[in-house]
């Protein structure tokens, strides 16, 4: 399935989606669909690709190279793929940007663990070239198994400054049944497969670009103070083991204290809220926990002395936030009709939404895009830096609107 939007200046956005048992064939079909449309794929500048964690990444890269030889590619593994074909798993979504009003530079930084800030600065410096076009955004994809994701963004910010927004997500993990610690991800850059890496693309545009992020969670109970933290983990809250304080605050069932699967089920719809300048931001605790050490982690550093809250929400509040994020991103185009939307929705929202809610989320994207293409993936963390230095999020929806 494919969908395309075309601007008056010749810029275009195409989205293709495909599924099937052969990863190379599915990738070829998705990329071909994204490149086909009103301009028959003339002058493609970038392919942004999200492939199910169930696919072999080398085969995915092979199929993309056959469909779009010479076209720059960035992408990553996905827990679910978003397109006009629906929100579904075991598929591939390709988003193509083309036309003379787009300019693209891509890069990859490898060996990120232990040097997150330096890797962020490295990849940002590689894509910082100024094309002369009036609008820019950096598309950023990271390996979710790397801790302290916020440090990657701070490294990027140190190079790019406050004037260049960032948007993207963390590659989804494939986890072995019954073992939440054994996981794998993949990232794609120009025909090669990477892990422990960051891939990026600067997308410069003749038309406006707008980024928004929203979440549907609310604070529950009194605040808790982070009293011991390190290496992206929270060891104590209020001077007690962090996992136990969190579970006590929410009245968790006994099995959530001792069984990893039970903790994950309980924590998915109950993130930890962290005080930031922009407000209280949710952090997903469902996989970054240590039963033996009783520590928790939300994918990015939570500072010593920080105020935190238990948070809760439901299908209705999450869908309302998705609609707000889309509307805000489109409003940011200043009245220019959108070419389409790129969406980054957290995979930790899927158990909260359920099948019906996930379908309704996709219908929200379709309604807000008003017949124009949209595409994205269910992430393991969302990137949306518009104001200030903070930009890594959990259990949110980040949206890029292109005008």
Protein backbone atom coordinates (compact mmCIF):
# COMPACT_ATOMS: atom_id res chain seq x y z
CA UNK A 1 0.00 0.00 0.00
CA UNK A 2 1.23 3.52 -0.78
CA UNK A 3 0.19 7.15 -0.24
CA UNK A 4 1.71 10.40 -1.49
CA UNK A 5 1.50 14.12 -0.84
CA UNK A 6 2.85 16.74 -3.23
CA UNK A 7 3.65 20.41 -2.56
CA UNK A 8 3.32 23.28 -5.02
CA UNK A 9 7.11 23.65 -5.13
CA UNK A 10 7.65 20.04 -6.21
CA UNK A 11 8.53 18.60 -2.81
CA UNK A 12 6.79 15.33 -2.08
CA UNK A 13 6.31 12.79 0.68
CA UNK A 14 5.43 9.16 0.03
CA UNK A 15 4.58 6.31 2.41
CA UNK A 16 4.69 2.62 1.53
CA UNK A 17 3.82 -0.39 3.66
CA UNK A 18 4.25 -4.10 3.07
CA UNK A 19 4.24 -7.38 4.94
CA UNK A 20 5.09 -11.00 4.18
CA UNK A 21 7.48 -13.74 5.26
CA UNK A 22 10.40 -12.63 3.05
CA UNK A 23 12.09 -9.57 4.57
CA UNK A 24 13.83 -8.51 1.36
CA UNK A 25 10.62 -8.70 -0.65
CA UNK A 26 8.63 -6.79 1.98
CA UNK A 27 11.31 -4.09 2.15
CA UNK A 28 11.39 -3.79 -1.65
CA UNK A 29 7.59 -3.45 -1.82
CA UNK A 30 7.44 -0.88 0.99
CA UNK A 31 10.19 1.27 -0.52
CA UNK A 32 8.73 1.00 -4.04
CA UNK A 33 5.34 2.04 -2.69
CA UNK A 34 6.85 5.08 -0.97
CA UNK A 35 8.61 6.13 -4.17
CA UNK A 36 5.55 5.76 -6.38
CA UNK A 37 2.94 8.50 -6.74
CA UNK A 38 2.13 11.76 -8.42
CA UNK A 39 5.78 12.41 -9.30
CA UNK A 40 6.61 8.71 -9.83
CA UNK A 41 9.30 9.04 -7.23
CA UNK A 42 11.30 11.70 -9.10
CA UNK A 43 14.41 12.98 -7.32
CA UNK A 44 14.17 10.99 -4.04
CA UNK A 45 16.29 12.49 -1.27
CA UNK A 46 15.78 10.13 1.72
CA UNK A 47 14.15 6.87 2.76
CA UNK A 48 13.13 6.62 6.43
CA UNK A 49 12.37 2.97 7.20
CA UNK A 50 10.81 1.14 10.15
CA UNK A 51 10.99 -2.65 10.05
CA UNK A 52 9.51 -5.19 12.43
CA UNK A 53 11.89 -6.67 14.99
CA UNK A 54 10.86 -10.05 13.58
CA UNK A 55 12.64 -9.42 10.26
CA UNK A 56 16.28 -10.18 9.46
CA UNK A 57 17.85 -6.70 9.17
CA UNK A 58 20.41 -7.71 6.52
CA UNK A 59 17.59 -8.90 4.27
CA UNK A 60 15.69 -5.66 4.91
CA UNK A 61 18.74 -3.64 3.85
CA UNK A 62 19.10 -5.80 0.73
CA UNK A 63 15.50 -5.18 -0.32
CA UNK A 64 15.80 -1.43 0.20
CA UNK A 65 18.97 -1.26 -1.89
CA UNK A 66 17.22 -3.06 -4.76
CA UNK A 67 14.20 -0.73 -4.64
CA UNK A 68 16.10 2.55 -4.26
CA UNK A 69 19.75 2.23 -5.34
CA UNK A 70 21.80 5.24 -4.32
CA UNK A 71 19.07 6.82 -2.15
CA UNK A 72 20.21 7.64 1.41
CA UNK A 73 18.52 5.40 3.99
CA UNK A 74 18.14 5.55 7.75
CA UNK A 75 15.90 3.26 9.78
CA UNK A 76 15.51 0.97 12.74
CA UNK A 77 13.67 -1.96 14.28
CA UNK A 78 10.05 -1.45 15.27
CA UNK A 79 7.54 -2.98 17.65
CA UNK A 80 4.69 -1.88 15.36
CA UNK A 81 4.48 0.02 12.09
CA UNK A 82 2.19 2.98 11.41
CA UNK A 83 0.79 3.89 7.97
CA UNK A 84 -2.52 4.38 6.14
CA UNK A 85 -2.62 0.56 5.96
CA UNK A 86 -3.12 0.59 9.75
CA UNK A 87 -1.02 0.14 12.86
CA UNK A 88 0.28 -3.41 12.65
CA UNK A 89 3.24 -5.60 13.46
CA UNK A 90 5.39 -7.87 11.29
CA UNK A 91 5.54 -5.32 8.49
CA UNK A 92 7.78 -2.62 7.04
CA UNK A 93 6.94 1.06 6.55
CA UNK A 94 9.05 3.27 4.29
CA UNK A 95 8.71 7.06 4.13
CA UNK A 96 10.28 8.78 1.12
CA UNK A 97 11.13 12.48 0.93
CA UNK A 98 11.80 13.92 -2.52
CA UNK A 99 11.96 16.93 -4.77
CA UNK A 100 14.32 19.89 -5.17
CA UNK A 101 12.95 21.64 -2.06
CA UNK A 102 14.48 19.00 0.24
CA UNK A 103 18.17 18.57 1.07
CA UNK A 104 19.45 15.68 3.19
CA UNK A 105 22.68 14.74 4.96
CA UNK A 106 22.95 11.45 6.87
CA UNK A 107 25.45 9.99 9.33
CA UNK A 108 26.03 7.18 11.82
CA UNK A 109 28.00 7.07 15.08
CA UNK A 110 29.02 3.65 16.37
CA UNK A 111 30.11 2.31 19.76
CA UNK A 112 27.77 4.64 21.65
CA UNK A 113 27.72 2.88 25.04
CA UNK A 114 29.98 4.66 27.49
CA UNK A 115 30.37 7.73 25.27
CA UNK A 116 26.79 8.79 24.69
CA UNK A 117 27.42 12.53 24.73
CA UNK A 118 30.44 12.29 22.45
CA UNK A 119 28.53 10.06 20.01
CA UNK A 120 25.68 12.57 19.91
CA UNK A 121 28.12 15.39 19.15
CA UNK A 122 29.84 13.26 16.50
CA UNK A 123 26.68 12.42 14.57
CA UNK A 124 25.35 15.99 14.87
CA UNK A 125 28.59 17.45 13.51
CA UNK A 126 28.37 15.10 10.53
CA UNK A 127 24.87 16.28 9.59
CA UNK A 128 25.22 19.96 10.52
CA UNK A 129 25.95 21.19 6.98
CA UNK A 130 23.75 24.18 6.08
CA UNK A 131 22.04 23.74 2.70
CA UNK A 132 20.74 27.30 2.59
CA UNK A 133 17.13 26.17 2.80
CA UNK A 134 15.12 28.06 5.44
CA UNK A 135 13.87 25.16 7.58
CA UNK A 136 15.72 22.24 9.19
CA UNK A 137 15.02 19.29 11.47
CA UNK A 138 17.31 16.46 12.57
CA UNK A 139 15.78 12.99 12.40
CA UNK A 140 17.47 10.90 15.08
CA UNK A 141 17.23 7.12 15.69
CA UNK A 142 19.01 5.50 18.63
CA UNK A 143 19.59 2.05 20.10
CA UNK A 144 17.18 1.70 23.01
CA UNK A 145 19.51 -0.73 24.80
CA UNK A 146 21.93 2.15 25.40
CA UNK A 147 21.34 3.76 28.79
CA UNK A 148 21.22 7.52 29.42
CA UNK A 149 19.64 8.38 26.09
CA UNK A 150 19.32 12.00 27.14
CA UNK A 151 23.10 12.29 27.01
CA UNK A 152 23.03 11.54 23.28
CA UNK A 153 20.64 14.42 22.73
CA UNK A 154 22.75 16.74 24.87
CA UNK A 155 25.72 15.94 22.69
CA UNK A 156 23.66 16.79 19.60
CA UNK A 157 22.41 19.99 21.22
CA UNK A 158 25.96 21.10 21.96
CA UNK A 159 26.68 21.09 18.22
CA UNK A 160 23.34 22.08 16.71
CA UNK A 161 22.23 24.64 19.28
CA UNK A 162 18.70 25.66 20.17
CA UNK A 163 17.63 26.62 16.65
CA UNK A 164 17.44 23.10 15.16
CA UNK A 165 14.66 20.84 16.45
CA UNK A 166 15.22 17.09 16.77
CA UNK A 167 12.65 14.33 16.37
CA UNK A 168 12.78 10.55 16.19
CA UNK A 169 12.79 7.49 18.38
CA UNK A 170 14.69 4.60 19.92
CA UNK A 171 14.79 1.28 18.05
CA UNK A 172 12.41 -1.29 19.49
CA UNK A 173 13.81 -4.39 21.18
CA UNK A 174 13.21 -8.01 20.39
CA UNK A 175 13.09 -9.82 23.72
CA UNK A 176 13.27 -13.54 24.40
CA UNK A 177 10.16 -14.99 26.03
CA UNK A 178 10.60 -15.22 29.79
CA UNK A 179 13.88 -13.25 29.80
CA UNK A 180 13.43 -9.47 29.94
CA UNK A 181 17.22 -8.98 30.06
CA UNK A 182 17.97 -10.70 26.73
CA UNK A 183 17.17 -8.27 23.92
CA UNK A 184 18.37 -7.14 20.51
CA UNK A 185 17.77 -4.15 18.23
CA UNK A 186 19.02 -2.92 14.87
CA UNK A 187 19.56 0.35 13.06
CA UNK A 188 20.01 0.91 9.31
CA UNK A 189 22.24 3.37 7.49
CA UNK A 190 22.89 3.26 3.75
CA UNK A 191 22.81 -0.52 3.31
CA UNK A 192 24.54 -1.43 6.56
CA UNK A 193 23.11 -2.82 9.81
CA UNK A 194 24.25 -1.35 13.14
CA UNK A 195 23.82 -1.92 16.85
CA UNK A 196 25.03 0.24 19.74
CA UNK A 197 24.78 3.16 17.34
CA UNK A 198 22.98 6.39 16.47
CA UNK A 199 21.81 7.23 12.96
CA UNK A 200 20.73 10.71 11.92
CA UNK A 201 19.58 12.74 8.95
CA UNK A 202 19.30 16.49 8.65
CA UNK A 203 16.21 17.23 6.58
CA UNK A 204 16.32 20.77 5.20
CA UNK A 205 13.19 22.06 3.52
CA UNK A 206 11.88 24.95 1.50
CA UNK A 207 8.60 24.58 3.43
CA UNK A 208 7.96 24.76 7.17
CA UNK A 209 8.61 21.88 9.57
CA UNK A 210 6.98 21.52 12.98
CA UNK A 211 7.55 19.15 15.92
CA UNK A 212 5.23 18.42 18.82
CA UNK A 213 5.12 15.91 21.69
CA UNK A 214 2.34 15.06 24.14
CA UNK A 215 1.53 12.46 26.76
CA UNK A 216 -1.73 11.34 28.35
CA UNK A 217 -0.60 10.67 31.94
CA UNK A 218 -1.51 12.37 35.21
CA UNK A 219 0.22 12.43 38.60
CA UNK A 220 -0.93 10.00 41.28
CA UNK A 221 -0.28 10.62 44.98
CA UNK A 222 2.46 12.61 46.69
CA UNK A 223 5.91 13.19 45.18
CA UNK A 224 8.91 10.94 45.87
CA UNK A 225 12.50 12.19 46.00
CA UNK A 226 15.34 10.46 44.16
CA UNK A 227 17.90 9.80 46.90
CA UNK A 228 20.38 7.54 45.08
CA UNK A 229 21.05 7.26 41.36
CA UNK A 230 23.81 6.40 38.90
CA UNK A 231 24.45 5.06 35.38
CA UNK A 232 20.89 5.81 34.34
CA UNK A 233 19.37 3.87 37.24
CA UNK A 234 17.42 4.97 40.33
CA UNK A 235 18.47 2.95 43.35
CA UNK A 236 16.44 4.61 46.08
CA UNK A 237 13.39 6.82 46.39
CA UNK A 238 12.84 8.48 49.77
CA UNK A 239 15.90 6.52 51.02
CA UNK A 240 14.25 3.13 50.34
CA UNK A 241 14.69 0.68 47.43
CA UNK A 242 13.21 2.44 44.43
CA UNK A 243 11.23 -0.51 43.07
CA UNK A 244 9.53 -1.12 46.42
CA UNK A 245 8.61 2.54 46.97
CA UNK A 246 7.13 2.74 43.46
CA UNK A 247 5.09 -0.46 43.90
CA UNK A 248 3.95 0.50 47.42
CA UNK A 249 2.76 3.90 46.22
CA UNK A 250 0.53 2.28 43.58
CA UNK A 251 -0.75 -0.58 45.74
CA UNK A 252 0.74 -3.24 43.47
CA UNK A 253 -0.19 -6.93 43.81
CA UNK A 254 2.33 -9.16 45.65
CA UNK A 255 3.53 -10.92 42.48
CA UNK A 256 4.75 -7.63 40.98
CA UNK A 257 7.43 -7.48 43.70
CA UNK A 258 9.00 -10.84 42.83
CA UNK A 259 8.07 -11.84 39.26
CA UNK A 260 9.56 -10.00 36.25
CA UNK A 261 6.60 -10.62 33.94
CA UNK A 262 4.16 -9.46 36.61
CA UNK A 263 6.17 -6.28 37.22
CA UNK A 264 6.22 -5.52 33.49
CA UNK A 265 2.45 -5.98 33.19
CA UNK A 266 1.86 -3.73 36.18
CA UNK A 267 4.36 -1.01 35.20
CA UNK A 268 3.40 -0.57 31.52
CA UNK A 269 0.29 1.53 32.22
CA UNK A 270 1.90 3.24 35.25
CA UNK A 271 5.00 5.26 34.32
CA UNK A 272 7.17 7.21 36.71
CA UNK A 273 6.75 10.97 36.37
CA UNK A 274 9.93 13.07 36.47
CA UNK A 275 9.93 16.81 37.10
CA UNK A 276 11.37 18.77 34.17
CA UNK A 277 11.26 22.47 33.27
CA UNK A 278 8.55 21.68 30.72
CA UNK A 279 6.45 19.82 33.31
CA UNK A 280 6.24 16.28 34.65
CA UNK A 281 7.44 13.82 32.01
CA UNK A 282 6.66 10.06 32.07
CA UNK A 283 9.39 7.39 32.14
CA UNK A 284 8.63 3.78 31.24
CA UNK A 285 9.87 1.36 33.91
CA UNK A 286 8.51 -1.86 32.41
CA UNK A 287 11.82 -3.28 31.16
CA UNK A 288 14.62 -1.30 32.82
CA UNK A 289 14.34 -2.84 36.29
CA UNK A 290 16.49 -5.08 38.49
CA UNK A 291 14.56 -7.49 40.71
CA UNK A 292 17.63 -8.42 42.75
CA UNK A 293 18.96 -4.92 43.30
CA UNK A 294 15.44 -3.37 43.51
CA UNK A 295 16.43 -0.51 41.18
CA UNK A 296 14.47 0.99 38.29
CA UNK A 297 15.37 2.82 35.09
CA UNK A 298 13.51 4.89 32.53
CA UNK A 299 15.98 4.94 29.64
CA UNK A 300 17.55 8.29 30.51
CA UNK A 301 19.23 9.70 33.58
CA UNK A 302 17.02 10.71 36.51
CA UNK A 303 19.02 13.13 38.62
CA UNK A 304 19.71 12.86 42.33
CA UNK A 305 17.28 15.05 44.28
CA UNK A 306 14.72 15.06 41.47
CA UNK A 307 11.01 14.99 42.32
CA UNK A 308 9.10 12.04 40.90
CA UNK A 309 5.50 10.84 40.94
CA UNK A 310 3.64 7.66 40.14
CA UNK A 311 1.48 8.33 37.07
CA UNK A 312 -1.64 6.77 35.60
CA UNK A 313 -3.78 7.10 32.49
CA UNK A 314 -6.12 5.19 30.22
CA UNK A 315 -7.10 4.73 26.59
CA UNK A 316 -9.12 7.93 26.51
CA UNK A 317 -6.35 10.15 27.92
CA UNK A 318 -3.69 8.60 25.66
CA UNK A 319 -5.82 9.08 22.53
CA UNK A 320 -6.60 12.67 23.51
CA UNK A 321 -2.86 13.35 23.80
CA UNK A 322 -2.25 11.81 20.36
CA UNK A 323 -4.84 14.11 18.83
CA UNK A 324 -3.33 17.13 20.60
CA UNK A 325 0.17 16.29 19.38
CA UNK A 326 -0.99 16.04 15.76
CA UNK A 327 -3.01 19.25 15.97
CA UNK A 328 -0.17 21.17 17.60
CA UNK A 329 2.36 20.00 14.98
CA UNK A 330 0.05 21.03 12.13
CA UNK A 331 -0.69 24.39 13.78
CA UNK A 332 3.08 24.96 13.90
CA UNK A 333 3.15 25.09 10.09
CA UNK A 334 1.59 28.54 10.26
CA UNK A 335 -1.39 27.84 8.05
CA UNK A 336 0.55 25.97 5.35
CA UNK A 337 -1.21 22.81 4.19
CA UNK A 338 0.75 19.76 5.39
CA UNK A 339 2.48 17.39 2.99
CA UNK A 340 2.10 14.68 5.64
CA UNK A 341 2.99 13.53 9.13
CA UNK A 342 5.72 11.35 10.62
CA UNK A 343 4.69 9.80 13.94
CA UNK A 344 6.68 8.23 16.78
CA UNK A 345 4.36 6.47 19.25
CA UNK A 346 5.70 4.55 22.23
CA UNK A 347 5.30 0.76 22.13
CA UNK A 348 4.58 0.87 25.88
CA UNK A 349 1.25 2.52 24.99
CA UNK A 350 0.07 -0.56 23.08
CA UNK A 351 -0.99 -2.59 26.16
CA UNK A 352 -2.86 0.46 27.44
CA UNK A 353 -4.65 1.09 24.15
CA UNK A 354 -5.33 -2.54 23.23
CA UNK A 355 -6.27 -3.50 19.66
CA UNK A 356 -9.28 -1.17 19.48
CA UNK A 357 -7.40 1.78 20.94
CA UNK A 358 -4.45 1.21 18.61
CA UNK A 359 -6.85 1.24 15.66
CA UNK A 360 -8.36 4.47 16.95
CA UNK A 361 -4.90 6.02 17.31
CA UNK A 362 -4.27 5.25 13.64
CA UNK A 363 -7.64 6.76 12.76
CA UNK A 364 -6.56 9.91 14.63
CA UNK A 365 -3.48 10.17 12.42
CA UNK A 366 -5.61 9.65 9.31
CA UNK A 367 -8.13 12.29 10.37
CA UNK A 368 -5.49 14.89 11.23
CA UNK A 369 -3.52 14.28 8.01
CA UNK A 370 -6.75 14.85 6.04
CA UNK A 371 -5.94 12.53 3.16
CA UNK A 372 -2.22 13.27 3.09
CA UNK A 373 0.26 10.48 3.88
CA UNK A 374 1.43 9.59 7.36
CA UNK A 375 3.83 6.97 8.65
CA UNK A 376 5.90 6.05 11.66
CA UNK A 377 6.55 3.37 14.23
CA UNK A 378 6.01 2.23 17.80
CA UNK A 379 9.26 3.10 19.55
CA UNK A 380 11.11 2.23 22.73
CA UNK A 381 11.43 5.93 23.56
CA UNK A 382 10.59 9.10 21.65
CA UNK A 383 12.78 12.05 20.68
CA UNK A 384 11.31 15.53 20.42
CA UNK A 385 13.52 18.48 21.30
CA UNK A 386 11.92 21.79 20.53
CA UNK A 387 12.69 23.98 23.55
CA UNK A 388 15.51 23.66 26.03
CA UNK A 389 18.00 20.84 26.21
CA UNK A 390 15.69 17.98 27.20
CA UNK A 391 14.26 15.90 24.40
CA UNK A 392 14.07 12.18 25.24
CA UNK A 393 10.62 10.93 26.23
CA UNK A 394 8.78 7.77 27.23
CA UNK A 395 5.17 6.77 26.66
CA UNK A 396 4.40 9.81 24.54
CA UNK A 397 3.57 10.62 20.91
CA UNK A 398 6.04 12.76 18.97
CA UNK A 399 4.92 14.17 15.62
CA UNK A 400 6.75 15.83 12.75
CA UNK A 401 4.51 17.80 10.39
CA UNK A 402 5.87 18.86 7.00
CA UNK A 403 4.40 21.83 5.19
